């Protein structure tokens, strides 16, 4: 009925949920996950969620005219903390790594044209890149949009078109280039499949729970 709103309903209308903390990862995670999309392939600047407000902000100017070839964002209620770092060290036999203290990034493959970010997409993880930014672990999960006509039946990254994976790999090896980061080394040590992607998501959700317990 018009004008018949409870206090809780008004709070929901007036204050949108924070995309990192207020959005659920998904009842069937890590098999199917909710993704908050920050960027789409037509974006010519790097957008990123502001952690304090949950609003999208311009993160930095791009040094080169590289465009992300997929939808790109992060997984709510995840955090690259100690468990994610330990898992990476175990897999790479490297030492003294730490999580990058951000939500886990995710790419979503779809044949549909989506013209803006700041939206939620459900996707199925199929693999990922084990990316190191200096000594920070910064995994990039790769997924397919639920029900997508072209990519929706792909269950593992090995079934993806090789050229598309190479385009994604090249983007992530160059997208952090900026004049003030000339000495920073970004490397992808491995490309892994669906089961390992799901394990990274599971561990990052546990890291998130640890993070929020401390606050």
C-alpha atoms as a PDB file:
ATOM      1  CA  UNK A   1       0.000   0.000   0.000  1.00  0.00           C
ATOM      2  CA  UNK A   2       1.291   3.481  -0.847  1.00  0.00           C
ATOM      3  CA  UNK A   3       3.049   5.091   2.115  1.00  0.00           C
ATOM      4  CA  UNK A   4       2.868   1.906   4.216  1.00  0.00           C
ATOM      5  CA  UNK A   5       6.564   1.335   4.917  1.00  0.00           C
ATOM      6  CA  UNK A   6       8.168  -0.082   8.041  1.00  0.00           C
ATOM      7  CA  UNK A   7      11.367   1.443   9.442  1.00  0.00           C
ATOM      8  CA  UNK A   8      13.377  -1.543   8.147  1.00  0.00           C
ATOM      9  CA  UNK A   9      11.912  -1.153   4.671  1.00  0.00           C
ATOM     10  CA  UNK A  10      12.789   2.550   4.609  1.00  0.00           C
ATOM     11  CA  UNK A  11      16.362   1.769   5.665  1.00  0.00           C
ATOM     12  CA  UNK A  12      16.641  -0.696   2.780  1.00  0.00           C
ATOM     13  CA  UNK A  13      15.298   1.856   0.299  1.00  0.00           C
ATOM     14  CA  UNK A  14      17.446   4.757   1.513  1.00  0.00           C
ATOM     15  CA  UNK A  15      20.720   2.926   2.077  1.00  0.00           C
ATOM     16  CA  UNK A  16      21.936   0.425  -0.478  1.00  0.00           C
ATOM     17  CA  UNK A  17      24.052  -2.514   0.652  1.00  0.00           C
ATOM     18  CA  UNK A  18      27.839  -2.311   0.486  1.00  0.00           C
ATOM     19  CA  UNK A  19      28.804  -4.605  -2.428  1.00  0.00           C
ATOM     20  CA  UNK A  20      31.680  -6.198  -0.511  1.00  0.00           C
ATOM     21  CA  UNK A  21      30.007  -6.722   2.864  1.00  0.00           C
ATOM     22  CA  UNK A  22      26.282  -6.615   2.146  1.00  0.00           C
ATOM     23  CA  UNK A  23      26.067  -8.961  -0.848  1.00  0.00           C
ATOM     24  CA  UNK A  24      26.077 -12.718  -0.244  1.00  0.00           C
ATOM     25  CA  UNK A  25      28.709 -14.853  -1.980  1.00  0.00           C
ATOM     26  CA  UNK A  26      25.916 -17.273  -2.904  1.00  0.00           C
ATOM     27  CA  UNK A  27      24.034 -20.206  -1.421  1.00  0.00           C
ATOM     28  CA  UNK A  28      25.801 -22.610  -3.789  1.00  0.00           C
ATOM     29  CA  UNK A  29      29.272 -21.070  -3.561  1.00  0.00           C
ATOM     30  CA  UNK A  30      31.921 -21.827  -4.630  1.00  0.00           C
ATOM     31  CA  UNK A  31      30.140 -23.702  -7.448  1.00  0.00           C
ATOM     32  CA  UNK A  32      28.008 -20.684  -8.386  1.00  0.00           C
ATOM     33  CA  UNK A  33      28.926 -17.245  -7.068  1.00  0.00           C
ATOM     34  CA  UNK A  34      27.604 -13.708  -7.028  1.00  0.00           C
ATOM     35  CA  UNK A  35      30.004 -11.228  -8.618  1.00  0.00           C
ATOM     36  CA  UNK A  36      30.038  -7.457  -8.260  1.00  0.00           C
ATOM     37  CA  UNK A  37      31.091  -6.047 -11.637  1.00  0.00           C
ATOM     38  CA  UNK A  38      33.270  -2.933 -11.605  1.00  0.00           C
ATOM     39  CA  UNK A  39      34.363  -2.811 -15.257  1.00  0.00           C
ATOM     40  CA  UNK A  40      33.116  -3.872 -18.686  1.00  0.00           C
ATOM     41  CA  UNK A  41      35.174  -4.344 -21.880  1.00  0.00           C
ATOM     42  CA  UNK A  42      34.335  -0.880 -23.235  1.00  0.00           C
ATOM     43  CA  UNK A  43      35.711   0.978 -20.189  1.00  0.00           C
ATOM     44  CA  UNK A  44      38.803   3.021 -21.038  1.00  0.00           C
ATOM     45  CA  UNK A  45      39.759   3.864 -17.436  1.00  0.00           C
ATOM     46  CA  UNK A  46      40.248   1.581 -14.434  1.00  0.00           C
ATOM     47  CA  UNK A  47      37.305   1.666 -12.030  1.00  0.00           C
ATOM     48  CA  UNK A  48      37.470   0.198  -8.547  1.00  0.00           C
ATOM     49  CA  UNK A  49      35.172  -0.018  -5.540  1.00  0.00           C
ATOM     50  CA  UNK A  50      35.922   2.467  -2.776  1.00  0.00           C
ATOM     51  CA  UNK A  51      36.224   0.240   0.291  1.00  0.00           C
ATOM     52  CA  UNK A  52      34.789   2.807   2.701  1.00  0.00           C
ATOM     53  CA  UNK A  53      31.653   3.808   0.790  1.00  0.00           C
ATOM     54  CA  UNK A  54      31.117   0.892  -1.599  1.00  0.00           C
ATOM     55  CA  UNK A  55      30.831   3.341  -4.520  1.00  0.00           C
ATOM     56  CA  UNK A  56      32.765   2.981  -7.757  1.00  0.00           C
ATOM     57  CA  UNK A  57      35.676   5.353  -8.191  1.00  0.00           C
ATOM     58  CA  UNK A  58      38.261   6.041 -10.888  1.00  0.00           C
ATOM     59  CA  UNK A  59      41.250   4.096  -9.620  1.00  0.00           C
ATOM     60  CA  UNK A  60      44.044   5.373 -11.840  1.00  0.00           C
ATOM     61  CA  UNK A  61      44.789   6.451 -15.400  1.00  0.00           C
ATOM     62  CA  UNK A  62      45.974   3.650 -17.666  1.00  0.00           C
ATOM     63  CA  UNK A  63      49.469   3.984 -19.062  1.00  0.00           C
ATOM     64  CA  UNK A  64      48.492   2.030 -22.167  1.00  0.00           C
ATOM     65  CA  UNK A  65      45.207   1.682 -24.077  1.00  0.00           C
ATOM     66  CA  UNK A  66      44.570  -1.856 -22.824  1.00  0.00           C
ATOM     67  CA  UNK A  67      40.947  -2.930 -22.409  1.00  0.00           C
ATOM     68  CA  UNK A  68      39.812  -5.791 -20.209  1.00  0.00           C
ATOM     69  CA  UNK A  69      38.340  -8.451 -22.542  1.00  0.00           C
ATOM     70  CA  UNK A  70      35.678  -9.567 -20.052  1.00  0.00           C
ATOM     71  CA  UNK A  71      33.446  -8.319 -17.287  1.00  0.00           C
ATOM     72  CA  UNK A  72      35.680  -7.687 -14.277  1.00  0.00           C
ATOM     73  CA  UNK A  73      34.969  -7.226 -10.606  1.00  0.00           C
ATOM     74  CA  UNK A  74      35.228  -9.062  -7.301  1.00  0.00           C
ATOM     75  CA  UNK A  75      33.605 -11.678  -5.107  1.00  0.00           C
ATOM     76  CA  UNK A  76      31.678 -10.356  -2.085  1.00  0.00           C
ATOM     77  CA  UNK A  77      32.671 -11.558   1.374  1.00  0.00           C
ATOM     78  CA  UNK A  78      36.092 -12.730   0.214  1.00  0.00           C
ATOM     79  CA  UNK A  79      39.513 -11.471   1.264  1.00  0.00           C
ATOM     80  CA  UNK A  80      43.039 -12.310   0.182  1.00  0.00           C
ATOM     81  CA  UNK A  81      44.538 -12.922   3.618  1.00  0.00           C
ATOM     82  CA  UNK A  82      46.734 -15.489   5.313  1.00  0.00           C
ATOM     83  CA  UNK A  83      44.964 -18.624   4.057  1.00  0.00           C
ATOM     84  CA  UNK A  84      45.089 -17.453   0.450  1.00  0.00           C
ATOM     85  CA  UNK A  85      48.762 -16.542   0.830  1.00  0.00           C
ATOM     86  CA  UNK A  86      49.612 -19.885   2.455  1.00  0.00           C
ATOM     87  CA  UNK A  87      47.860 -21.754  -0.339  1.00  0.00           C
ATOM     88  CA  UNK A  88      49.815 -19.824  -2.972  1.00  0.00           C
ATOM     89  CA  UNK A  89      53.112 -20.482  -1.178  1.00  0.00           C
ATOM     90  CA  UNK A  90      52.268 -24.184  -1.028  1.00  0.00           C
ATOM     91  CA  UNK A  91      51.481 -24.299  -4.754  1.00  0.00           C
ATOM     92  CA  UNK A  92      54.483 -22.228  -5.903  1.00  0.00           C
ATOM     93  CA  UNK A  93      57.059 -23.266  -3.299  1.00  0.00           C
ATOM     94  CA  UNK A  94      57.715 -19.566  -2.669  1.00  0.00           C
ATOM     95  CA  UNK A  95      58.173 -17.911   0.710  1.00  0.00           C
ATOM     96  CA  UNK A  96      57.314 -14.597   2.353  1.00  0.00           C
ATOM     97  CA  UNK A  97      54.149 -13.975   0.328  1.00  0.00           C
ATOM     98  CA  UNK A  98      51.084 -12.199   1.672  1.00  0.00           C
ATOM     99  CA  UNK A  99      47.559 -11.646   0.448  1.00  0.00           C
ATOM    100  CA  UNK A 100      46.898  -8.278  -1.184  1.00  0.00           C
ATOM    101  CA  UNK A 101      44.220  -7.468   1.450  1.00  0.00           C
ATOM    102  CA  UNK A 102      41.483  -7.013  -1.170  1.00  0.00           C
ATOM    103  CA  UNK A 103      38.428  -9.029  -2.194  1.00  0.00           C
ATOM    104  CA  UNK A 104      39.196 -11.771  -4.717  1.00  0.00           C
ATOM    105  CA  UNK A 105      39.030 -10.487  -8.305  1.00  0.00           C
ATOM    106  CA  UNK A 106      36.937 -12.289 -10.899  1.00  0.00           C
ATOM    107  CA  UNK A 107      36.474 -12.178 -14.669  1.00  0.00           C
ATOM    108  CA  UNK A 108      33.099 -13.195 -16.101  1.00  0.00           C
ATOM    109  CA  UNK A 109      32.925 -14.425 -19.682  1.00  0.00           C
ATOM    110  CA  UNK A 110      29.735 -13.729 -21.616  1.00  0.00           C
ATOM    111  CA  UNK A 111      28.771 -13.198 -25.245  1.00  0.00           C
ATOM    112  CA  UNK A 112      26.285 -10.507 -24.214  1.00  0.00           C
ATOM    113  CA  UNK A 113      27.141  -6.814 -24.440  1.00  0.00           C
ATOM    114  CA  UNK A 114      26.871  -5.215 -21.002  1.00  0.00           C
ATOM    115  CA  UNK A 115      27.586  -1.512 -21.208  1.00  0.00           C
ATOM    116  CA  UNK A 116      28.281  -0.523 -17.602  1.00  0.00           C
ATOM    117  CA  UNK A 117      29.507  -1.832 -14.301  1.00  0.00           C
ATOM    118  CA  UNK A 118      28.059  -1.452 -10.784  1.00  0.00           C
ATOM    119  CA  UNK A 119      25.870  -4.528 -11.109  1.00  0.00           C
ATOM    120  CA  UNK A 120      25.603  -8.125  -9.871  1.00  0.00           C
ATOM    121  CA  UNK A 121      26.177 -11.165 -12.069  1.00  0.00           C
ATOM    122  CA  UNK A 122      25.925 -14.864 -11.167  1.00  0.00           C
ATOM    123  CA  UNK A 123      28.725 -16.974 -12.597  1.00  0.00           C
ATOM    124  CA  UNK A 124      30.393 -20.391 -12.483  1.00  0.00           C
ATOM    125  CA  UNK A 125      34.144 -20.445 -11.684  1.00  0.00           C
ATOM    126  CA  UNK A 126      36.139 -22.404 -14.282  1.00  0.00           C
ATOM    127  CA  UNK A 127      39.741 -21.567 -13.339  1.00  0.00           C
ATOM    128  CA  UNK A 128      42.074 -18.716 -12.607  1.00  0.00           C
ATOM    129  CA  UNK A 129      45.474 -17.039 -12.793  1.00  0.00           C
ATOM    130  CA  UNK A 130      47.874 -17.277  -9.864  1.00  0.00           C
ATOM    131  CA  UNK A 131      49.146 -13.707 -10.040  1.00  0.00           C
ATOM    132  CA  UNK A 132      51.868 -12.174  -7.899  1.00  0.00           C
ATOM    133  CA  UNK A 133      52.190  -8.397  -7.630  1.00  0.00           C
ATOM    134  CA  UNK A 134      55.622  -8.161  -6.050  1.00  0.00           C
ATOM    135  CA  UNK A 135      55.226 -10.336  -2.945  1.00  0.00           C
ATOM    136  CA  UNK A 136      51.431  -9.949  -2.836  1.00  0.00           C
ATOM    137  CA  UNK A 137      49.067 -12.737  -3.880  1.00  0.00           C
ATOM    138  CA  UNK A 138      46.410 -11.365  -6.256  1.00  0.00           C
ATOM    139  CA  UNK A 139      44.551 -14.328  -7.791  1.00  0.00           C
ATOM    140  CA  UNK A 140      42.237 -13.673 -10.744  1.00  0.00           C
ATOM    141  CA  UNK A 141      39.328 -16.111 -10.883  1.00  0.00           C
ATOM    142  CA  UNK A 142      37.883 -16.776 -14.343  1.00  0.00           C
ATOM    143  CA  UNK A 143      34.215 -17.686 -14.655  1.00  0.00           C
ATOM    144  CA  UNK A 144      31.314 -17.914 -17.092  1.00  0.00           C
ATOM    145  CA  UNK A 145      27.970 -16.191 -16.723  1.00  0.00           C
ATOM    146  CA  UNK A 146      25.192 -18.542 -15.652  1.00  0.00           C
ATOM    147  CA  UNK A 147      23.097 -19.474 -18.685  1.00  0.00           C
ATOM    148  CA  UNK A 148      25.350 -17.739 -21.228  1.00  0.00           C
ATOM    149  CA  UNK A 149      24.572 -18.964 -24.758  1.00  0.00           C
ATOM    150  CA  UNK A 150      28.226 -19.195 -25.888  1.00  0.00           C
ATOM    151  CA  UNK A 151      30.248 -19.772 -22.703  1.00  0.00           C
ATOM    152  CA  UNK A 152      27.646 -21.207 -20.340  1.00  0.00           C
ATOM    153  CA  UNK A 153      28.516 -24.882 -20.925  1.00  0.00           C
ATOM    154  CA  UNK A 154      32.245 -24.454 -20.223  1.00  0.00           C
ATOM    155  CA  UNK A 155      33.146 -26.215 -16.973  1.00  0.00           C
ATOM    156  CA  UNK A 156      36.933 -25.789 -16.920  1.00  0.00           C
ATOM    157  CA  UNK A 157      39.436 -23.291 -18.243  1.00  0.00           C
ATOM    158  CA  UNK A 158      41.061 -25.911 -20.457  1.00  0.00           C
ATOM    159  CA  UNK A 159      37.879 -25.839 -22.558  1.00  0.00           C
ATOM    160  CA  UNK A 160      38.087 -22.064 -23.131  1.00  0.00           C
ATOM    161  CA  UNK A 161      39.377 -20.627 -26.410  1.00  0.00           C
ATOM    162  CA  UNK A 162      43.156 -20.354 -26.014  1.00  0.00           C
ATOM    163  CA  UNK A 163      43.307 -16.903 -27.613  1.00  0.00           C
ATOM    164  CA  UNK A 164      40.817 -15.514 -25.089  1.00  0.00           C
ATOM    165  CA  UNK A 165      42.833 -16.803 -22.133  1.00  0.00           C
ATOM    166  CA  UNK A 166      45.969 -15.284 -23.676  1.00  0.00           C
ATOM    167  CA  UNK A 167      44.220 -11.906 -24.021  1.00  0.00           C
ATOM    168  CA  UNK A 168      43.213 -12.038 -20.356  1.00  0.00           C
ATOM    169  CA  UNK A 169      46.730 -13.041 -19.347  1.00  0.00           C
ATOM    170  CA  UNK A 170      48.254 -10.154 -21.306  1.00  0.00           C
ATOM    171  CA  UNK A 171      45.804  -7.690 -19.762  1.00  0.00           C
ATOM    172  CA  UNK A 172      46.675  -8.674 -16.208  1.00  0.00           C
ATOM    173  CA  UNK A 173      50.405  -8.547 -16.897  1.00  0.00           C
ATOM    174  CA  UNK A 174      50.121  -4.946 -18.107  1.00  0.00           C
ATOM    175  CA  UNK A 175      47.051  -3.285 -16.523  1.00  0.00           C
ATOM    176  CA  UNK A 176      48.886  -2.157 -13.398  1.00  0.00           C
ATOM    177  CA  UNK A 177      51.514  -0.311 -15.397  1.00  0.00           C
ATOM    178  CA  UNK A 178      51.848   3.265 -14.197  1.00  0.00           C
ATOM    179  CA  UNK A 179      54.784   5.675 -13.926  1.00  0.00           C
ATOM    180  CA  UNK A 180      55.023   5.300 -10.138  1.00  0.00           C
ATOM    181  CA  UNK A 181      55.116   1.476 -10.384  1.00  0.00           C
ATOM    182  CA  UNK A 182      58.053   1.034 -12.745  1.00  0.00           C
ATOM    183  CA  UNK A 183      59.983  -1.180 -10.319  1.00  0.00           C
ATOM    184  CA  UNK A 184      57.047  -3.441  -9.472  1.00  0.00           C
ATOM    185  CA  UNK A 185      57.077  -6.915 -11.006  1.00  0.00           C
ATOM    186  CA  UNK A 186      53.754  -8.578 -11.902  1.00  0.00           C
ATOM    187  CA  UNK A 187      53.901 -12.237 -12.872  1.00  0.00           C
ATOM    188  CA  UNK A 188      51.459 -15.070 -13.480  1.00  0.00           C
ATOM    189  CA  UNK A 189      53.019 -18.245 -12.129  1.00  0.00           C
ATOM    190  CA  UNK A 190      50.224 -20.673 -13.054  1.00  0.00           C
ATOM    191  CA  UNK A 191      46.930 -21.041 -14.843  1.00  0.00           C
ATOM    192  CA  UNK A 192      44.727 -23.386 -12.836  1.00  0.00           C
ATOM    193  CA  UNK A 193      41.409 -25.162 -13.321  1.00  0.00           C
ATOM    194  CA  UNK A 194      37.964 -25.103 -11.762  1.00  0.00           C
ATOM    195  CA  UNK A 195      38.661 -27.135  -8.631  1.00  0.00           C
ATOM    196  CA  UNK A 196      41.595 -24.977  -7.632  1.00  0.00           C
ATOM    197  CA  UNK A 197      39.583 -21.818  -8.324  1.00  0.00           C
ATOM    198  CA  UNK A 198      36.878 -23.079  -5.977  1.00  0.00           C
ATOM    199  CA  UNK A 199      39.478 -23.773  -3.293  1.00  0.00           C
ATOM    200  CA  UNK A 200      40.830 -20.214  -3.566  1.00  0.00           C
ATOM    201  CA  UNK A 201      37.273 -18.893  -3.198  1.00  0.00           C
ATOM    202  CA  UNK A 202      36.619 -21.121  -0.188  1.00  0.00           C
ATOM    203  CA  UNK A 203      39.845 -20.035   1.541  1.00  0.00           C
ATOM    204  CA  UNK A 204      39.219 -16.365   0.754  1.00  0.00           C
ATOM    205  CA  UNK A 205      35.770 -16.582   2.340  1.00  0.00           C
ATOM    206  CA  UNK A 206      37.389 -17.999   5.503  1.00  0.00           C
ATOM    207  CA  UNK A 207      39.932 -15.155   5.390  1.00  0.00           C
ATOM    208  CA  UNK A 208      37.016 -12.713   5.138  1.00  0.00           C
ATOM    209  CA  UNK A 209      35.368 -14.270   8.185  1.00  0.00           C
ATOM    210  CA  UNK A 210      38.638 -13.855  10.108  1.00  0.00           C
ATOM    211  CA  UNK A 211      38.864 -10.224   8.966  1.00  0.00           C
ATOM    212  CA  UNK A 212      35.348  -9.332  10.099  1.00  0.00           C
ATOM    213  CA  UNK A 213      35.739 -11.112  13.455  1.00  0.00           C
ATOM    214  CA  UNK A 214      38.615  -8.771  14.277  1.00  0.00           C
ATOM    215  CA  UNK A 215      36.454  -5.672  13.791  1.00  0.00           C
END
